[in-house]
Amino acid sequence: MIEIKDLLLKFSNLLLSEEIKKNTVLNVLKEVIGVDVKPEDIKIKNNTIYLNIKPIYKNEILLKKDLINLKLKEALGKKAPQKIV
């Protein structure tokens, strides 16, 4: 029988994983395009990064999409998000 504390530990690891991904995305965006993005403006769902930022920043991100994806893969490995929207 699985104890509740084991289930809670599993969920906390998942949440921690999402926070690590968000922080990595924030750091990569700051490094590549030089823009500070708020953590609440980033959502990661189904290996896709959703950004709630100004269109001019989104255009800059799309122009440097390959470099951003490369840096995310270096930092996160196989768990790196694949798409940026």
N, C-alpha and C. Protein backbone atom coordinates (compact mmCIF):
# COMPACT_ATOMS: atom_id res chain seq x y z
N MET A 1 0.83 -1.17 0.00
CA MET A 1 0.00 0.00 0.00
C MET A 1 0.89 1.25 0.00
N ILE A 2 0.52 2.23 -0.83
CA ILE A 2 1.28 3.47 -0.95
C ILE A 2 0.82 4.45 0.12
N GLU A 3 1.76 5.01 0.81
CA GLU A 3 1.43 5.99 1.84
C GLU A 3 1.25 7.37 1.22
N ILE A 4 0.51 8.19 1.91
CA ILE A 4 0.22 9.54 1.42
C ILE A 4 1.49 10.35 1.29
N LYS A 5 2.41 10.20 2.22
CA LYS A 5 3.65 10.99 2.16
C LYS A 5 4.45 10.66 0.91
N ASP A 6 4.39 9.40 0.43
CA ASP A 6 5.10 9.04 -0.79
C ASP A 6 4.48 9.71 -2.01
N LEU A 7 3.14 9.78 -2.03
CA LEU A 7 2.45 10.47 -3.13
C LEU A 7 2.76 11.96 -3.12
N LEU A 8 2.74 12.55 -1.94
CA LEU A 8 3.05 13.98 -1.84
C LEU A 8 4.47 14.27 -2.26
N LEU A 9 5.39 13.40 -1.93
CA LEU A 9 6.78 13.57 -2.34
C LEU A 9 6.91 13.51 -3.85
N LYS A 10 6.17 12.61 -4.48
CA LYS A 10 6.19 12.50 -5.93
C LYS A 10 5.69 13.79 -6.59
N PHE A 11 4.58 14.34 -6.05
CA PHE A 11 4.04 15.58 -6.59
C PHE A 11 4.96 16.76 -6.33
N SER A 12 5.62 16.80 -5.21
CA SER A 12 6.53 17.90 -4.94
C SER A 12 7.72 17.86 -5.89
N ASN A 13 8.16 16.66 -6.27
CA ASN A 13 9.24 16.54 -7.24
C ASN A 13 8.80 17.05 -8.61
N LEU A 14 7.55 16.78 -8.99
CA LEU A 14 7.04 17.29 -10.25
C LEU A 14 6.97 18.81 -10.25
N LEU A 15 6.49 19.39 -9.16
CA LEU A 15 6.40 20.84 -9.06
C LEU A 15 7.78 21.47 -9.07
N LEU A 16 8.71 20.87 -8.38
CA LEU A 16 10.08 21.37 -8.36
C LEU A 16 10.66 21.34 -9.76
N SER A 17 10.36 20.30 -10.48
CA SER A 17 10.84 20.17 -11.85
C SER A 17 10.33 21.32 -12.72
N GLU A 18 9.05 21.66 -12.56
CA GLU A 18 8.49 22.76 -13.34
C GLU A 18 9.13 24.09 -12.96
N GLU A 19 9.40 24.31 -11.69
CA GLU A 19 10.06 25.54 -11.25
C GLU A 19 11.48 25.62 -11.81
N ILE A 20 12.17 24.51 -11.85
CA ILE A 20 13.53 24.49 -12.41
C ILE A 20 13.47 24.82 -13.89
N LYS A 21 12.50 24.27 -14.60
CA LYS A 21 12.35 24.57 -16.03
C LYS A 21 12.07 26.05 -16.24
N LYS A 22 11.16 26.61 -15.45
CA LYS A 22 10.83 28.03 -15.58
C LYS A 22 12.06 28.90 -15.33
N ASN A 23 12.80 28.60 -14.28
CA ASN A 23 13.99 29.39 -13.97
C ASN A 23 15.04 29.26 -15.06
N THR A 24 15.17 28.08 -15.63
CA THR A 24 16.13 27.90 -16.72
C THR A 24 15.71 28.70 -17.94
N VAL A 25 14.42 28.68 -18.26
CA VAL A 25 13.92 29.46 -19.39
C VAL A 25 14.16 30.96 -19.14
N LEU A 26 13.90 31.41 -17.92
CA LEU A 26 14.15 32.82 -17.58
C LEU A 26 15.61 33.19 -17.79
N ASN A 27 16.51 32.34 -17.32
CA ASN A 27 17.94 32.62 -17.44
C ASN A 27 18.39 32.62 -18.89
N VAL A 28 17.89 31.67 -19.68
CA VAL A 28 18.29 31.60 -21.09
C VAL A 28 17.77 32.82 -21.85
N LEU A 29 16.52 33.21 -21.60
CA LEU A 29 15.98 34.39 -22.28
C LEU A 29 16.76 35.64 -21.90
N LYS A 30 17.12 35.77 -20.64
CA LYS A 30 17.91 36.92 -20.19
C LYS A 30 19.28 36.94 -20.88
N GLU A 31 19.88 35.76 -21.00
CA GLU A 31 21.20 35.65 -21.61
C GLU A 31 21.17 35.94 -23.11
N VAL A 32 20.18 35.39 -23.81
CA VAL A 32 20.15 35.49 -25.27
C VAL A 32 19.60 36.83 -25.76
N ILE A 33 18.46 37.27 -25.22
CA ILE A 33 17.86 38.50 -25.74
C ILE A 33 17.95 39.67 -24.77
N GLY A 34 18.41 39.43 -23.55
CA GLY A 34 18.62 40.52 -22.60
C GLY A 34 17.36 41.11 -22.01
N VAL A 35 16.28 40.33 -21.95
CA VAL A 35 15.00 40.82 -21.42
C VAL A 35 14.66 40.06 -20.15
N ASP A 36 14.26 40.80 -19.13
CA ASP A 36 13.78 40.16 -17.90
C ASP A 36 12.31 39.81 -18.07
N VAL A 37 12.01 38.54 -17.97
CA VAL A 37 10.63 38.06 -18.05
C VAL A 37 10.22 37.62 -16.66
N LYS A 38 9.01 37.98 -16.26
CA LYS A 38 8.51 37.58 -14.95
C LYS A 38 8.16 36.09 -14.96
N PRO A 39 8.39 35.40 -13.86
CA PRO A 39 8.04 33.97 -13.80
C PRO A 39 6.56 33.69 -14.06
N GLU A 40 5.69 34.62 -13.67
CA GLU A 40 4.26 34.38 -13.89
C GLU A 40 3.86 34.56 -15.36
N ASP A 41 4.75 35.11 -16.19
CA ASP A 41 4.49 35.28 -17.62
C ASP A 41 4.90 34.06 -18.44
N ILE A 42 5.40 33.03 -17.77
CA ILE A 42 5.85 31.82 -18.46
C ILE A 42 4.99 30.65 -17.99
N LYS A 43 4.50 29.90 -18.95
CA LYS A 43 3.77 28.67 -18.67
C LYS A 43 4.39 27.57 -19.51
N ILE A 44 4.62 26.42 -18.91
CA ILE A 44 5.17 25.28 -19.64
C ILE A 44 4.15 24.16 -19.57
N LYS A 45 3.67 23.75 -20.74
CA LYS A 45 2.66 22.70 -20.80
C LYS A 45 2.92 21.84 -22.04
N ASN A 46 2.96 20.54 -21.85
CA ASN A 46 3.18 19.59 -22.95
C ASN A 46 4.43 19.92 -23.76
N ASN A 47 5.52 20.20 -23.08
CA ASN A 47 6.80 20.53 -23.72
C ASN A 47 6.73 21.76 -24.61
N THR A 48 5.84 22.66 -24.31
CA THR A 48 5.72 23.92 -25.04
C THR A 48 5.78 25.06 -24.04
N ILE A 49 6.56 26.09 -24.40
CA ILE A 49 6.68 27.27 -23.56
C ILE A 49 5.70 28.32 -24.08
N TYR A 50 4.81 28.77 -23.21
CA TYR A 50 3.87 29.83 -23.55
C TYR A 50 4.32 31.09 -22.84
N LEU A 51 4.52 32.16 -23.63
CA LEU A 51 4.99 33.43 -23.08
C LEU A 51 3.91 34.49 -23.18
N ASN A 52 3.70 35.20 -22.11
CA ASN A 52 2.75 36.30 -22.08
C ASN A 52 3.57 37.60 -21.99
N ILE A 53 4.19 37.96 -23.11
CA ILE A 53 5.06 39.15 -23.16
C ILE A 53 4.71 39.99 -24.37
N LYS A 54 5.34 41.14 -24.47
CA LYS A 54 5.09 42.06 -25.58
C LYS A 54 5.49 41.42 -26.92
N PRO A 55 4.75 41.73 -27.97
CA PRO A 55 5.05 41.13 -29.29
C PRO A 55 6.46 41.42 -29.81
N ILE A 56 7.02 42.56 -29.47
CA ILE A 56 8.36 42.87 -29.95
C ILE A 56 9.38 41.90 -29.35
N TYR A 57 9.18 41.49 -28.11
CA TYR A 57 10.07 40.52 -27.48
C TYR A 57 9.86 39.12 -28.07
N LYS A 58 8.60 38.81 -28.38
CA LYS A 58 8.32 37.52 -29.01
C LYS A 58 9.00 37.42 -30.37
N ASN A 59 9.01 38.52 -31.12
CA ASN A 59 9.68 38.51 -32.42
C ASN A 59 11.18 38.26 -32.25
N GLU A 60 11.77 38.89 -31.27
CA GLU A 60 13.20 38.70 -31.00
C GLU A 60 13.47 37.24 -30.61
N ILE A 61 12.58 36.67 -29.83
CA ILE A 61 12.73 35.27 -29.42
C ILE A 61 12.62 34.35 -30.63
N LEU A 62 11.66 34.63 -31.51
CA LEU A 62 11.50 33.79 -32.70
C LEU A 62 12.71 33.90 -33.63
N LEU A 63 13.33 35.07 -33.70
CA LEU A 63 14.53 35.23 -34.52
C LEU A 63 15.70 34.42 -33.98
N LYS A 64 15.77 34.30 -32.67
CA LYS A 64 16.88 33.59 -32.03
C LYS A 64 16.43 32.25 -31.45
N LYS A 65 15.37 31.69 -32.02
CA LYS A 65 14.76 30.47 -31.52
C LYS A 65 15.75 29.29 -31.48
N ASP A 66 16.56 29.15 -32.51
CA ASP A 66 17.51 28.03 -32.57
C ASP A 66 18.53 28.11 -31.43
N LEU A 67 19.05 29.30 -31.19
CA LEU A 67 20.02 29.48 -30.11
C LEU A 67 19.38 29.22 -28.75
N ILE A 68 18.15 29.69 -28.57
CA ILE A 68 17.44 29.47 -27.30
C ILE A 68 17.21 27.98 -27.08
N ASN A 69 16.74 27.28 -28.12
CA ASN A 69 16.51 25.83 -27.99
C ASN A 69 17.81 25.09 -27.69
N LEU A 70 18.90 25.50 -28.32
CA LEU A 70 20.19 24.86 -28.07
C LEU A 70 20.61 25.03 -26.61
N LYS A 71 20.48 26.24 -26.10
CA LYS A 71 20.87 26.50 -24.71
C LYS A 71 19.95 25.77 -23.72
N LEU A 72 18.65 25.67 -24.05
CA LEU A 72 17.74 24.93 -23.18
C LEU A 72 18.09 23.44 -23.16
N LYS A 73 18.45 22.89 -24.32
CA LYS A 73 18.84 21.47 -24.37
C LYS A 73 20.12 21.22 -23.60
N GLU A 74 21.05 22.17 -23.65
CA GLU A 74 22.29 22.03 -22.88
C GLU A 74 22.00 22.03 -21.37
N ALA A 75 21.06 22.89 -20.96
CA ALA A 75 20.78 23.04 -19.54
C ALA A 75 19.86 21.95 -18.99
N LEU A 76 18.85 21.54 -19.78
CA LEU A 76 17.85 20.61 -19.27
C LEU A 76 17.93 19.22 -19.87
N GLY A 77 18.67 19.05 -20.92
CA GLY A 77 18.78 17.74 -21.55
C GLY A 77 17.50 17.34 -22.26
N LYS A 78 17.10 16.08 -22.08
CA LYS A 78 15.91 15.57 -22.77
C LYS A 78 14.62 16.18 -22.27
N LYS A 79 14.63 16.77 -21.09
CA LYS A 79 13.40 17.35 -20.54
C LYS A 79 13.18 18.79 -21.00
N ALA A 80 13.99 19.27 -21.91
CA ALA A 80 13.87 20.64 -22.39
C ALA A 80 12.60 20.80 -23.24
N PRO A 81 11.87 21.88 -23.04
CA PRO A 81 10.69 22.15 -23.88
C PRO A 81 11.10 22.31 -25.34
N GLN A 82 10.24 21.87 -26.26
CA GLN A 82 10.57 21.86 -27.68
C GLN A 82 10.08 23.10 -28.43
N LYS A 83 8.94 23.63 -28.06
CA LYS A 83 8.34 24.75 -28.80
C LYS A 83 8.23 25.97 -27.91
N ILE A 84 8.27 27.13 -28.58
CA ILE A 84 8.07 28.41 -27.89
C ILE A 84 6.92 29.12 -28.59
N VAL A 85 5.89 29.47 -27.83
CA VAL A 85 4.73 30.14 -28.40
C VAL A 85 4.51 31.45 -27.68
